[in-house]
Amino acid sequence: MAPTFTLLSCLVLLHLSVSFAYPVYAPFLQCLTNIAHPSDHISDVVFAGTNVSYTSLLQNYIRNARFNTSSTPKPSVIVTPLQQSHVQAAVICARSIGVQIKIRSGGHDYEGISYVSYQPFIILDLFNFRNISVDIQNEVAVVQSGATVGELYYRIWEKSKVHGFPAGVCPTMGVGGHLSGGGYGNMLRKFGLSVDNVIDATIVDVKGRILNKDSMGEDLFWAIKGGGGGSFGVILSYTVKLVRVPEAVTTFRVEKTLEENATDLVVQWQDVAPRTDDRLFMRLLLAPATSKVNKKQLTVRASVVALFLGESKEVVTLLGKEFPRLGLKKENCNETSWIESVLWWANYDAGTKPEVLLDRELNKAKFLKRKSDYVQTPISRDRLEGMWKKMTELGKIGLVFNPYGGRMNEIPSDATAFPHRGGNLFKIQYSVTWDEAGSAVEKNLTSQAKMMYDYMTSLVSKNPRRAFLNYRDLDIGMNKFDENSYRDGKVYGRKYFNENFERLVKVKSEVDPRDFFRNEQSIPILPSKQ
């Protein structure tokens, strides 16, 4: 009886999923057909659940395996636009039939917000929007939202060996989501965030219009630089200003465990990393590790991973004076080109060709959970030792400290929608990644992340406790889109955007007054508009 019941259950579920999708697919496709030009071939980019390509299209850009299970809600339709008119039509038709639209450019949203919803929805997947035009003479690039940062780095390198762009170290991130949330990487102390180097953008608004910087207006342009593009429309492209990089840069990694005086290193890192030469970015990784002294005991390993925009001799001399606890030596350093430093930071083997940056690594998700914090006063030695105890008790949670200072201290907190500027010493990412599927494993490890986050409460920013939008975390609040939508949005909105939240709400209420572009943590509209 059991096999028969299982088969029957699967057939019922399949019938329900198809029935659920059909009321969306049929009117949506009909609307697209009515408004699109025949030469657009729009039916070729619309995929229902019954299409043989549907599953691979859905799974290719799922970057968190927690949201790639049989019980994860699936979209009624996936739209993979090839041209701007496809995006315009998708927005107009989704709005006309009253279905939610989720916008995915790379799938790296840690909580799957770009491809999961618990109400009928459509995915507008921009992976075909990947054109990149690099103009070295004017030091600018126009990059479509579905391009990856790895592809952007590669196209810049093709044209120039002394230009780069300040963005993330993970090559497979989509430009649209990365930049609209702020975008940061290992050159932020010298050049600021990605959005600090954005000079224009194009967006499809709720009316289906294509707007650029001039036609969208100052407020909307401000909002999509750090406020999350998915709250305001579909960002098609950004125009970015390239930055000059030296012919030779230096990378290094130095590791110490607690038995090797890692605590002293971390104490000194907090003083040096946010205040040193702005050409130097020193990320600090903290992770439980097996003790070298007692193989049955856990310790904590501190790893300093760095990029210096200059030669190795200079940085060794600099840190010999400023950061003696690190003990940096010439043999620890790799003097290389900027594009080779990109590959090194992405953990590719030495000698790997830059063409690897064009590999999108489809359908290779791991299970993960991330959270974030900001630190504004140094953590004392005693409190660090308490952290080590908590980390070894939990056993799986890693912390990443990303130093601020430099250019980040010079840009006002309201210059863009991204608010976390001066006053922060460093940002924390809480990180756990695993391979084994199962609800028990997930519950255990996500609970560990929450416990470590709770432990850190007294050591981090307050009123509000701040968070980084691109480290999406649904634990800090979600919107139910009822009569309390604004109040719900303010809970997480103040954490992500501080004092910029209210301006973002005003922009949202003006450009999308019926709150069509929304997700579990989108910018809400004013209560009077509800």
Protein backbone atom coordinates (compact mmCIF):
# COMPACT_ATOMS: atom_id res chain seq x y z
CA MET A 1 0.00 0.00 0.00
CA ALA A 2 2.81 2.43 0.84
CA PRO A 3 4.26 2.73 -2.71
CA THR A 4 0.75 3.22 -4.15
CA PHE A 5 -0.03 5.93 -1.61
CA THR A 6 3.27 7.68 -2.35
CA LEU A 7 2.62 7.67 -6.09
CA LEU A 8 -0.93 8.91 -5.58
CA SER A 9 0.31 11.70 -3.32
CA CYS A 10 2.86 12.80 -5.92
CA LEU A 11 0.21 12.86 -8.66
CA VAL A 12 -2.12 14.95 -6.48
CA LEU A 13 0.68 17.38 -5.66
CA LEU A 14 1.62 17.63 -9.34
CA HIS A 15 -2.00 18.31 -10.26
CA LEU A 16 -2.27 20.98 -7.57
CA SER A 17 0.96 22.67 -8.66
CA VAL A 18 -0.11 22.77 -12.30
CA SER A 19 -3.59 23.99 -11.37
CA PHE A 20 -2.04 26.63 -9.13
CA ALA A 21 0.24 27.83 -11.94
CA TYR A 22 -2.29 27.79 -14.77
CA PRO A 23 -4.53 30.66 -13.52
CA VAL A 24 -1.42 32.85 -13.57
CA TYR A 25 0.29 31.51 -16.70
CA ALA A 26 -2.63 31.76 -19.12
CA PRO A 27 -3.70 35.37 -18.42
CA PHE A 28 -0.09 36.47 -18.01
CA LEU A 29 0.96 35.05 -21.37
CA GLN A 30 -2.17 36.45 -23.02
CA CYS A 31 -1.38 39.91 -21.66
CA LEU A 32 2.22 39.67 -22.87
CA THR A 33 1.06 38.60 -26.31
CA ASN A 34 -1.39 41.48 -26.50
CA ILE A 35 1.09 44.24 -25.68
CA ALA A 36 4.33 42.89 -27.17
CA HIS A 37 5.38 43.34 -30.76
CA PRO A 38 5.43 40.04 -32.72
CA SER A 39 9.13 40.51 -33.40
CA ASP A 40 9.77 40.41 -29.64
CA HIS A 41 9.03 36.64 -29.58
CA ILE A 42 8.02 37.08 -25.98
CA SER A 43 6.54 33.60 -25.62
CA ASP A 44 10.10 32.25 -26.01
CA VAL A 45 11.13 33.74 -22.65
CA VAL A 46 8.12 32.64 -20.57
CA PHE A 47 8.32 29.26 -18.80
CA ALA A 48 5.55 27.55 -16.84
CA GLY A 49 6.14 24.62 -14.50
CA THR A 50 5.24 22.14 -17.23
CA ASN A 51 8.07 23.35 -19.48
CA VAL A 52 11.06 20.97 -19.66
CA SER A 53 13.46 23.88 -18.99
CA TYR A 54 11.59 25.18 -15.93
CA THR A 55 13.43 23.20 -13.23
CA SER A 56 16.94 23.95 -14.48
CA LEU A 57 16.08 27.63 -14.94
CA LEU A 58 14.80 27.80 -11.37
CA GLN A 59 17.68 25.89 -9.79
CA ASN A 60 20.59 27.38 -11.74
CA TYR A 61 20.61 30.60 -9.71
CA ILE A 62 19.48 29.29 -6.34
CA ARG A 63 22.57 30.04 -4.24
CA ASN A 64 21.27 28.81 -0.87
CA ALA A 65 20.32 25.11 -0.85
CA ARG A 66 17.94 25.74 2.06
CA PHE A 67 15.55 27.09 -0.58
CA ASN A 68 15.96 24.29 -3.09
CA THR A 69 13.77 21.60 -1.55
CA SER A 70 10.54 19.90 -2.60
CA SER A 71 8.62 21.94 -0.01
CA THR A 72 9.99 25.31 -1.12
CA PRO A 73 7.25 27.36 -2.87
CA LYS A 74 7.83 27.54 -6.62
CA PRO A 75 7.02 30.36 -9.05
CA SER A 76 4.01 30.04 -11.32
CA VAL A 77 6.09 31.41 -14.20
CA ILE A 78 9.74 32.22 -14.86
CA VAL A 79 10.45 35.05 -17.30
CA THR A 80 13.96 35.30 -18.76
CA PRO A 81 13.97 38.59 -20.69
CA LEU A 82 16.34 39.15 -23.59
CA GLN A 83 15.54 42.82 -24.17
CA GLN A 84 14.15 45.82 -22.33
CA SER A 85 10.67 45.49 -23.84
CA HIS A 86 10.38 42.02 -22.28
CA VAL A 87 10.96 43.52 -18.83
CA GLN A 88 8.47 46.31 -19.46
CA ALA A 89 5.81 43.84 -20.60
CA ALA A 90 6.44 41.53 -17.63
CA VAL A 91 5.98 44.38 -15.14
CA ILE A 92 2.83 45.71 -16.82
CA CYS A 93 1.24 42.27 -17.10
CA ALA A 94 2.14 41.07 -13.60
CA ARG A 95 0.58 44.25 -12.22
CA SER A 96 -2.52 43.93 -14.42
CA ILE A 97 -3.31 40.38 -13.21
CA GLY A 98 -2.30 41.13 -9.62
CA VAL A 99 0.53 38.63 -9.22
CA GLN A 100 3.71 39.26 -7.22
CA ILE A 101 6.96 39.60 -9.14
CA LYS A 102 10.34 38.57 -7.76
CA ILE A 103 13.46 40.01 -9.41
CA ARG A 104 16.59 37.84 -9.56
CA SER A 105 19.92 38.96 -10.96
CA GLY A 106 22.34 36.46 -9.43
CA GLY A 107 20.48 34.64 -6.69
CA HIS A 108 22.89 35.48 -3.86
CA ASP A 109 20.17 36.86 -1.59
CA TYR A 110 20.95 34.90 1.59
CA GLU A 111 17.27 34.35 2.42
CA GLY A 112 16.12 33.48 -1.11
CA ILE A 113 13.89 36.55 -1.31
CA SER A 114 14.57 36.92 -5.04
CA TYR A 115 13.10 33.51 -5.86
CA VAL A 116 10.79 32.38 -3.01
CA SER A 117 7.34 33.59 -1.94
CA TYR A 118 4.40 32.12 -0.05
CA GLN A 119 1.85 33.62 -2.42
CA PRO A 120 1.48 33.14 -6.19
CA PHE A 121 4.48 34.78 -7.85
CA ILE A 122 6.53 35.18 -10.99
CA ILE A 123 10.33 35.25 -11.18
CA LEU A 124 11.80 37.84 -13.51
CA ASP A 125 15.26 36.35 -13.94
CA LEU A 126 17.75 38.78 -15.49
CA PHE A 127 20.61 36.35 -16.16
CA ASN A 128 20.45 37.13 -19.89
CA PHE A 129 20.87 40.85 -19.15
CA ARG A 130 24.64 40.55 -18.97
CA ASN A 131 26.04 43.03 -21.48
CA ILE A 132 29.05 45.05 -20.29
CA SER A 133 30.45 48.01 -22.20
CA VAL A 134 33.81 49.32 -20.96
CA ASP A 135 35.09 52.74 -22.03
CA ILE A 136 38.66 53.07 -20.77
CA GLN A 137 39.19 56.52 -22.32
CA ASN A 138 36.40 57.95 -20.16
CA GLU A 139 37.00 55.43 -17.35
CA VAL A 140 33.39 54.24 -17.20
CA ALA A 141 31.48 51.01 -17.77
CA VAL A 142 27.81 50.33 -18.42
CA VAL A 143 26.90 46.97 -16.88
CA GLN A 144 23.54 45.26 -17.05
CA SER A 145 21.99 43.94 -13.86
CA GLY A 146 22.26 40.26 -14.74
CA ALA A 147 26.01 40.41 -15.31
CA THR A 148 28.16 39.05 -12.50
CA VAL A 149 30.87 41.01 -10.74
CA GLY A 150 33.35 38.43 -12.04
CA GLU A 151 32.30 39.20 -15.60
CA LEU A 152 32.64 42.92 -14.90
CA TYR A 153 36.17 42.46 -13.55
CA TYR A 154 37.12 40.35 -16.56
CA ARG A 155 35.79 42.86 -19.11
CA ILE A 156 37.68 45.68 -17.40
CA TRP A 157 40.88 43.60 -17.39
CA GLU A 158 40.45 42.89 -21.12
CA LYS A 159 40.70 46.62 -21.80
CA SER A 160 43.14 47.78 -19.13
CA LYS A 161 45.64 46.36 -16.64
CA VAL A 162 45.52 49.48 -14.45
CA HIS A 163 41.77 49.84 -13.93
CA GLY A 164 39.37 48.04 -11.63
CA PHE A 165 36.11 48.48 -9.79
CA PRO A 166 35.35 48.32 -6.05
CA ALA A 167 32.86 45.50 -5.58
CA GLY A 168 32.61 42.10 -3.92
CA VAL A 169 35.10 39.24 -3.80
CA CYS A 170 32.59 36.54 -4.84
CA PRO A 171 32.63 36.49 -8.67
CA THR A 172 29.16 34.97 -9.18
CA MET A 173 27.16 37.75 -7.53
CA GLY A 174 24.72 39.52 -9.84
CA VAL A 175 25.44 43.21 -10.33
CA GLY A 176 21.80 44.27 -9.86
CA GLY A 177 21.36 43.00 -6.32
CA HIS A 178 24.93 43.63 -5.24
CA LEU A 179 25.02 47.28 -6.23
CA SER A 180 21.46 48.17 -5.27
CA GLY A 181 22.23 47.05 -1.70
CA GLY A 182 25.45 49.07 -1.53
CA GLY A 183 28.11 46.69 -2.80
CA TYR A 184 31.38 46.48 -0.93
CA GLY A 185 34.68 44.72 -1.33
CA ASN A 186 38.35 44.86 -0.47
CA MET A 187 38.89 48.34 -1.94
CA LEU A 188 36.19 50.13 0.08
CA ARG A 189 38.69 51.90 2.35
CA LYS A 190 40.30 53.50 -0.71
CA PHE A 191 37.36 53.98 -3.08
CA GLY A 192 34.22 53.49 -0.98
CA LEU A 193 31.32 51.24 -1.90
CA SER A 194 30.23 50.20 -5.37
CA VAL A 195 27.34 52.70 -5.19
CA ASP A 196 29.76 55.51 -4.41
CA ASN A 197 31.06 54.97 -7.93
CA VAL A 198 27.69 54.77 -9.72
CA ILE A 199 27.02 57.73 -12.02
CA ASP A 200 23.85 56.62 -13.84
CA ALA A 201 21.30 53.83 -13.97
CA THR A 202 18.29 52.64 -15.95
CA ILE A 203 15.19 51.23 -14.28
CA VAL A 204 11.75 49.99 -15.31
CA ASP A 205 9.21 51.57 -12.98
CA VAL A 206 5.78 50.34 -11.94
CA LYS A 207 4.22 51.93 -15.03
CA GLY A 208 6.60 50.07 -17.33
CA ARG A 209 8.59 53.16 -18.23
CA ILE A 210 12.35 53.03 -18.75
CA LEU A 211 13.98 55.80 -16.73
CA ASN A 212 17.56 56.99 -16.42
CA LYS A 213 19.17 59.24 -13.82
CA ASP A 214 17.67 62.41 -15.27
CA SER A 215 14.16 61.10 -15.90
CA MET A 216 13.84 59.13 -12.65
CA GLY A 217 14.80 62.14 -10.56
CA GLU A 218 17.28 62.75 -7.77
CA ASP A 219 15.31 60.95 -5.03
CA LEU A 220 14.83 57.64 -6.85
CA PHE A 221 18.43 57.66 -8.08
CA TRP A 222 19.51 58.17 -4.47
CA ALA A 223 17.27 55.33 -3.26
CA ILE A 224 18.56 52.66 -5.65
CA LYS A 225 22.11 53.30 -4.50
CA GLY A 226 21.98 51.23 -1.34
CA GLY A 227 18.24 51.08 -0.65
CA GLY A 228 17.62 47.85 -2.52
CA GLY A 229 16.40 48.11 -6.10
CA GLY A 230 13.65 45.53 -5.71
CA SER A 231 11.52 47.97 -3.69
CA PHE A 232 11.35 50.53 -6.49
CA GLY A 233 11.39 48.79 -9.86
CA VAL A 234 13.54 46.58 -12.07
CA ILE A 235 17.05 47.93 -12.45
CA LEU A 236 18.30 47.21 -15.96
CA SER A 237 21.81 48.61 -15.74
CA TYR A 238 24.26 50.75 -13.83
CA THR A 239 26.85 53.11 -15.26
CA VAL A 240 29.91 53.01 -13.04
CA LYS A 241 33.10 55.00 -12.73
CA LEU A 242 36.21 52.84 -12.95
CA VAL A 243 39.09 53.32 -10.53
CA ARG A 244 42.84 53.32 -11.12
CA VAL A 245 44.76 50.41 -9.59
CA PRO A 246 48.56 49.95 -9.44
CA GLU A 247 50.32 47.60 -11.82
CA ALA A 248 51.44 45.65 -8.74
CA VAL A 249 49.30 44.98 -5.68
CA THR A 250 49.99 42.77 -2.67
CA THR A 251 47.91 40.08 -1.01
CA PHE A 252 48.68 38.08 2.11
CA ARG A 253 47.16 35.71 4.66
CA VAL A 254 48.51 35.26 8.19
CA GLU A 255 46.93 32.80 10.62
CA LYS A 256 47.29 32.37 14.38
CA THR A 257 45.42 30.24 16.92
CA LEU A 258 44.71 31.14 20.54
CA GLU A 259 47.78 29.13 21.53
CA GLU A 260 49.80 31.37 19.20
CA ASN A 261 48.53 34.59 20.84
CA ALA A 262 45.62 35.19 18.46
CA THR A 263 43.90 37.26 21.16
CA ASP A 264 46.76 39.78 21.12
CA LEU A 265 46.50 39.89 17.33
CA VAL A 266 42.75 40.61 17.42
CA VAL A 267 43.14 43.32 20.07
CA GLN A 268 45.71 45.10 17.90
CA TRP A 269 43.78 44.48 14.67
CA GLN A 270 40.85 46.48 16.03
CA ASP A 271 43.12 49.47 16.54
CA VAL A 272 45.04 49.22 13.26
CA ALA A 273 42.71 47.87 10.55
CA PRO A 274 40.16 50.76 10.53
CA ARG A 275 42.83 53.48 10.84
CA THR A 276 45.79 52.38 8.74
CA ASP A 277 46.70 53.52 5.20
CA ASP A 278 43.48 53.52 3.17
CA ARG A 279 45.15 51.45 0.45
CA LEU A 280 45.17 48.51 2.89
CA PHE A 281 42.14 46.30 3.61
CA MET A 282 42.69 43.59 6.23
CA ARG A 283 39.74 41.25 6.69
CA LEU A 284 39.78 39.19 9.89
CA LEU A 285 38.32 35.68 9.85
CA LEU A 286 37.55 33.98 13.17
CA ALA A 287 36.61 30.30 13.20
CA PRO A 288 36.58 27.27 15.52
CA ALA A 289 39.47 24.93 14.70
CA THR A 290 41.12 21.82 16.07
CA SER A 291 43.86 22.70 18.54
CA LYS A 292 47.41 21.87 17.52
CA VAL A 293 48.21 21.20 21.17
CA ASN A 294 45.26 18.91 21.95
CA LYS A 295 43.59 17.28 18.94
CA LYS A 296 40.47 16.56 21.00
CA GLN A 297 39.96 20.22 21.84
CA LEU A 298 38.63 23.15 19.85
CA THR A 299 40.44 26.46 19.68
CA VAL A 300 39.83 29.61 17.64
CA ARG A 301 41.87 30.47 14.55
CA ALA A 302 42.29 34.11 13.54
CA SER A 303 43.20 34.71 9.88
CA VAL A 304 44.12 38.12 8.51
CA VAL A 305 43.41 38.21 4.77
CA ALA A 306 44.53 41.39 3.04
CA LEU A 307 44.82 43.45 -0.12
CA PHE A 308 47.30 46.32 -0.32
CA LEU A 309 47.21 48.61 -3.35
CA GLY A 310 50.97 48.80 -3.57
CA GLU A 311 54.15 46.75 -3.40
CA SER A 312 54.95 44.17 -0.73
CA LYS A 313 58.04 45.96 0.61
CA GLU A 314 55.94 48.99 1.54
CA VAL A 315 53.22 47.07 3.35
CA VAL A 316 55.73 44.92 5.28
CA THR A 317 57.44 48.08 6.52
CA LEU A 318 54.12 49.74 7.33
CA LEU A 319 52.77 46.85 9.37
CA GLY A 320 56.08 46.23 11.06
CA LYS A 321 55.49 49.60 12.72
CA GLU A 322 51.70 49.64 13.09
CA PHE A 323 50.82 45.97 13.57
CA PRO A 324 53.81 44.11 15.08
CA ARG A 325 51.54 41.37 16.51
CA LEU A 326 50.82 40.25 12.95
CA GLY A 327 54.49 39.48 12.30
CA LEU A 328 54.16 40.04 8.56
CA LYS A 329 57.19 39.02 6.50
CA LYS A 330 58.05 39.38 2.83
CA GLU A 331 57.59 35.64 2.33
CA ASN A 332 53.96 35.92 3.48
CA CYS A 333 53.19 38.28 0.61
CA ASN A 334 52.09 37.73 -2.98
CA GLU A 335 52.95 40.63 -5.25
CA THR A 336 50.68 40.38 -8.27
CA SER A 337 48.41 42.19 -10.72
CA TRP A 338 44.99 43.42 -9.62
CA ILE A 339 43.10 40.79 -11.66
CA GLU A 340 45.27 38.06 -10.13
CA SER A 341 44.40 39.42 -6.69
CA VAL A 342 40.72 39.04 -7.61
CA LEU A 343 41.36 35.36 -8.36
CA TRP A 344 43.35 34.93 -5.13
CA TRP A 345 40.55 36.42 -3.02
CA ALA A 346 38.06 34.10 -4.73
CA ASN A 347 40.23 31.13 -3.63
CA TYR A 348 41.33 30.05 -7.09
CA ASP A 349 44.65 28.23 -7.39
CA ALA A 350 47.75 30.16 -8.37
CA GLY A 351 48.10 30.34 -12.14
CA THR A 352 44.35 30.16 -12.80
CA LYS A 353 43.45 32.15 -15.90
CA PRO A 354 41.12 35.18 -15.56
CA GLU A 355 38.64 33.49 -17.91
CA VAL A 356 37.42 31.49 -14.88
CA LEU A 357 35.62 34.68 -13.81
CA LEU A 358 33.17 34.05 -16.65
CA ASP A 359 32.08 30.76 -15.06
CA ARG A 360 28.72 31.29 -13.34
CA GLU A 361 28.93 28.01 -11.39
CA LEU A 362 25.30 27.09 -12.01
CA ASN A 363 23.31 24.93 -9.59
CA LYS A 364 26.11 24.56 -7.02
CA ALA A 365 24.39 25.80 -3.90
CA LYS A 366 25.36 24.92 -0.34
CA PHE A 367 23.22 25.29 2.77
CA LEU A 368 23.95 28.50 4.66
CA LYS A 369 22.85 31.13 7.16
CA ARG A 370 24.28 34.63 7.56
CA LYS A 371 23.68 37.51 10.00
CA SER A 372 25.36 40.89 10.48
CA ASP A 373 26.35 43.56 13.00
CA TYR A 374 28.36 46.77 13.26
CA VAL A 375 30.99 47.46 15.92
CA GLN A 376 31.62 51.05 17.01
CA THR A 377 33.86 50.62 20.05
CA PRO A 378 36.73 48.09 20.37
CA ILE A 379 35.90 44.77 22.01
CA SER A 380 38.00 44.34 25.16
CA ARG A 381 40.33 41.41 25.76
CA ASP A 382 38.02 39.98 28.42
CA ARG A 383 35.03 40.11 26.09
CA LEU A 384 37.06 38.58 23.27
CA GLU A 385 37.94 35.68 25.54
CA GLY A 386 34.24 35.28 26.28
CA MET A 387 33.62 35.18 22.53
CA TRP A 388 36.21 32.42 22.08
CA LYS A 389 34.48 30.36 24.77
CA LYS A 390 31.09 30.81 23.10
CA MET A 391 32.46 29.97 19.64
CA THR A 392 34.09 26.76 20.83
CA GLU A 393 30.94 25.78 22.75
CA LEU A 394 28.82 26.19 19.62
CA GLY A 395 31.46 24.67 17.36
CA LYS A 396 30.37 25.76 13.88
CA ILE A 397 29.92 29.54 13.72
CA GLY A 398 32.53 31.70 12.02
CA LEU A 399 32.83 35.47 12.25
CA VAL A 400 34.15 37.81 9.56
CA PHE A 401 35.33 41.30 10.60
CA ASN A 402 35.45 43.79 7.70
CA PRO A 403 37.25 47.04 8.63
CA TYR A 404 35.88 50.46 7.74
CA GLY A 405 37.66 53.81 7.95
CA GLY A 406 39.43 55.55 5.10
CA ARG A 407 37.01 56.68 2.39
CA MET A 408 34.06 55.32 4.39
CA ASN A 409 34.68 57.99 7.03
CA GLU A 410 34.68 60.77 4.42
CA ILE A 411 31.30 60.11 2.76
CA PRO A 412 28.20 61.40 4.64
CA SER A 413 25.73 58.76 5.85
CA ASP A 414 22.96 60.31 3.71
CA ALA A 415 25.00 60.68 0.50
CA THR A 416 23.39 57.45 -0.72
CA ALA A 417 20.68 55.27 0.81
CA PHE A 418 23.42 53.11 2.35
CA PRO A 419 23.85 54.63 5.84
CA HIS A 420 26.68 52.76 7.58
CA ARG A 421 29.63 55.11 7.20
CA GLY A 422 31.76 56.94 9.78
CA GLY A 423 31.58 55.84 13.40
CA ASN A 424 31.84 52.15 12.55
CA LEU A 425 35.12 50.38 13.19
CA PHE A 426 34.09 47.22 11.41
CA LYS A 427 31.19 45.10 10.21
CA ILE A 428 30.61 41.55 11.40
CA GLN A 429 29.25 38.70 9.34
CA TYR A 430 28.12 35.62 11.26
CA SER A 431 28.56 32.64 9.00
CA VAL A 432 27.69 28.96 8.94
CA THR A 433 27.71 26.72 5.86
CA TRP A 434 26.94 23.02 5.61
CA ASP A 435 26.46 20.22 3.07
CA GLU A 436 24.01 17.83 4.75
CA ALA A 437 20.31 18.22 3.98
CA GLY A 438 17.68 17.83 6.66
CA SER A 439 15.55 19.92 8.98
CA ALA A 440 17.36 18.77 12.14
CA VAL A 441 20.76 19.85 10.82
CA GLU A 442 19.34 23.16 9.61
CA LYS A 443 17.61 23.88 12.91
CA ASN A 444 20.78 23.13 14.87
CA LEU A 445 23.08 25.31 12.78
CA THR A 446 20.72 28.25 12.26
CA SER A 447 20.10 28.17 16.02
CA GLN A 448 23.85 28.37 16.60
CA ALA A 449 24.00 31.49 14.43
CA LYS A 450 21.19 33.08 16.45
CA MET A 451 22.83 32.19 19.77
CA MET A 452 26.13 33.76 18.71
CA TYR A 453 24.26 36.83 17.50
CA ASP A 454 22.41 37.09 20.82
CA TYR A 455 25.67 36.72 22.74
CA MET A 456 27.15 39.71 20.88
CA THR A 457 24.28 42.09 21.72
CA SER A 458 26.17 44.22 24.26
CA LEU A 459 29.26 44.51 22.02
CA VAL A 460 27.68 46.00 18.89
CA SER A 461 25.71 49.04 17.71
CA LYS A 462 22.48 49.94 19.48
CA ASN A 463 19.27 51.95 18.99
CA PRO A 464 18.97 50.58 16.40
CA ARG A 465 21.14 47.51 16.28
CA ARG A 466 22.38 47.91 12.73
CA ALA A 467 22.41 45.39 9.90
CA PHE A 468 23.69 45.21 6.32
CA LEU A 469 21.03 44.77 3.62
CA ASN A 470 23.22 42.59 1.41
CA TYR A 471 23.61 40.16 4.32
CA ARG A 472 19.86 39.61 4.22
CA ASP A 473 18.47 38.26 7.50
CA LEU A 474 14.75 37.62 7.98
CA ASP A 475 15.26 37.11 11.72
CA ILE A 476 15.37 40.88 12.26
CA GLY A 477 11.84 41.44 10.95
CA MET A 478 9.41 40.64 8.16
CA ASN A 479 6.50 42.45 6.55
CA LYS A 480 3.06 40.81 6.47
CA PHE A 481 1.58 43.58 4.25
CA ASP A 482 -1.52 44.16 6.33
CA GLU A 483 -2.69 47.35 8.06
CA ASN A 484 0.58 47.31 10.04
CA SER A 485 2.83 47.21 6.97
CA TYR A 486 4.61 50.48 7.74
CA ARG A 487 5.16 49.50 11.36
CA ASP A 488 6.50 46.08 10.33
CA GLY A 489 8.77 47.70 7.75
CA LYS A 490 10.16 50.13 10.27
CA VAL A 491 11.41 47.26 12.46
CA TYR A 492 13.88 45.95 9.90
CA GLY A 493 14.08 49.19 7.89
CA ARG A 494 15.66 51.18 10.72
CA LYS A 495 18.26 48.45 11.21
CA TYR A 496 19.21 48.37 7.55
CA PHE A 497 18.92 52.08 6.80
CA ASN A 498 19.09 54.05 10.09
CA GLU A 499 18.05 57.66 9.54
CA ASN A 500 17.71 57.11 5.78
CA PHE A 501 14.66 54.87 6.28
CA GLU A 502 12.08 57.68 6.33
CA ARG A 503 13.39 59.21 3.10
CA LEU A 504 13.27 55.79 1.47
CA VAL A 505 9.64 55.40 2.55
CA LYS A 506 8.78 58.77 0.99
CA VAL A 507 10.47 57.81 -2.28
CA LYS A 508 8.72 54.44 -2.31
CA SER A 509 5.33 56.03 -1.62
CA GLU A 510 5.85 58.45 -4.50
CA VAL A 511 7.10 56.07 -7.18
CA ASP A 512 5.13 52.92 -6.23
CA PRO A 513 2.10 54.13 -4.24
CA ARG A 514 0.25 50.79 -4.40
CA ASP A 515 3.30 48.84 -3.23
CA PHE A 516 3.53 46.54 -6.25
CA PHE A 517 7.30 45.98 -5.94
CA ARG A 518 7.51 44.33 -2.57
CA ASN A 519 9.13 41.46 -0.72
CA GLU A 520 9.43 40.26 2.85
CA GLN A 521 11.84 43.10 3.69
CA SER A 522 11.04 45.77 1.10
CA ILE A 523 10.58 49.46 1.84
CA PRO A 524 6.95 50.02 2.94
CA ILE A 525 4.73 52.85 1.82
CA LEU A 526 3.46 55.60 4.12
CA PRO A 527 0.46 54.60 6.29
CA SER A 528 -1.68 57.23 4.57
CA LYS A 529 -1.10 55.46 1.24
CA GLN A 530 -2.25 52.04 2.46
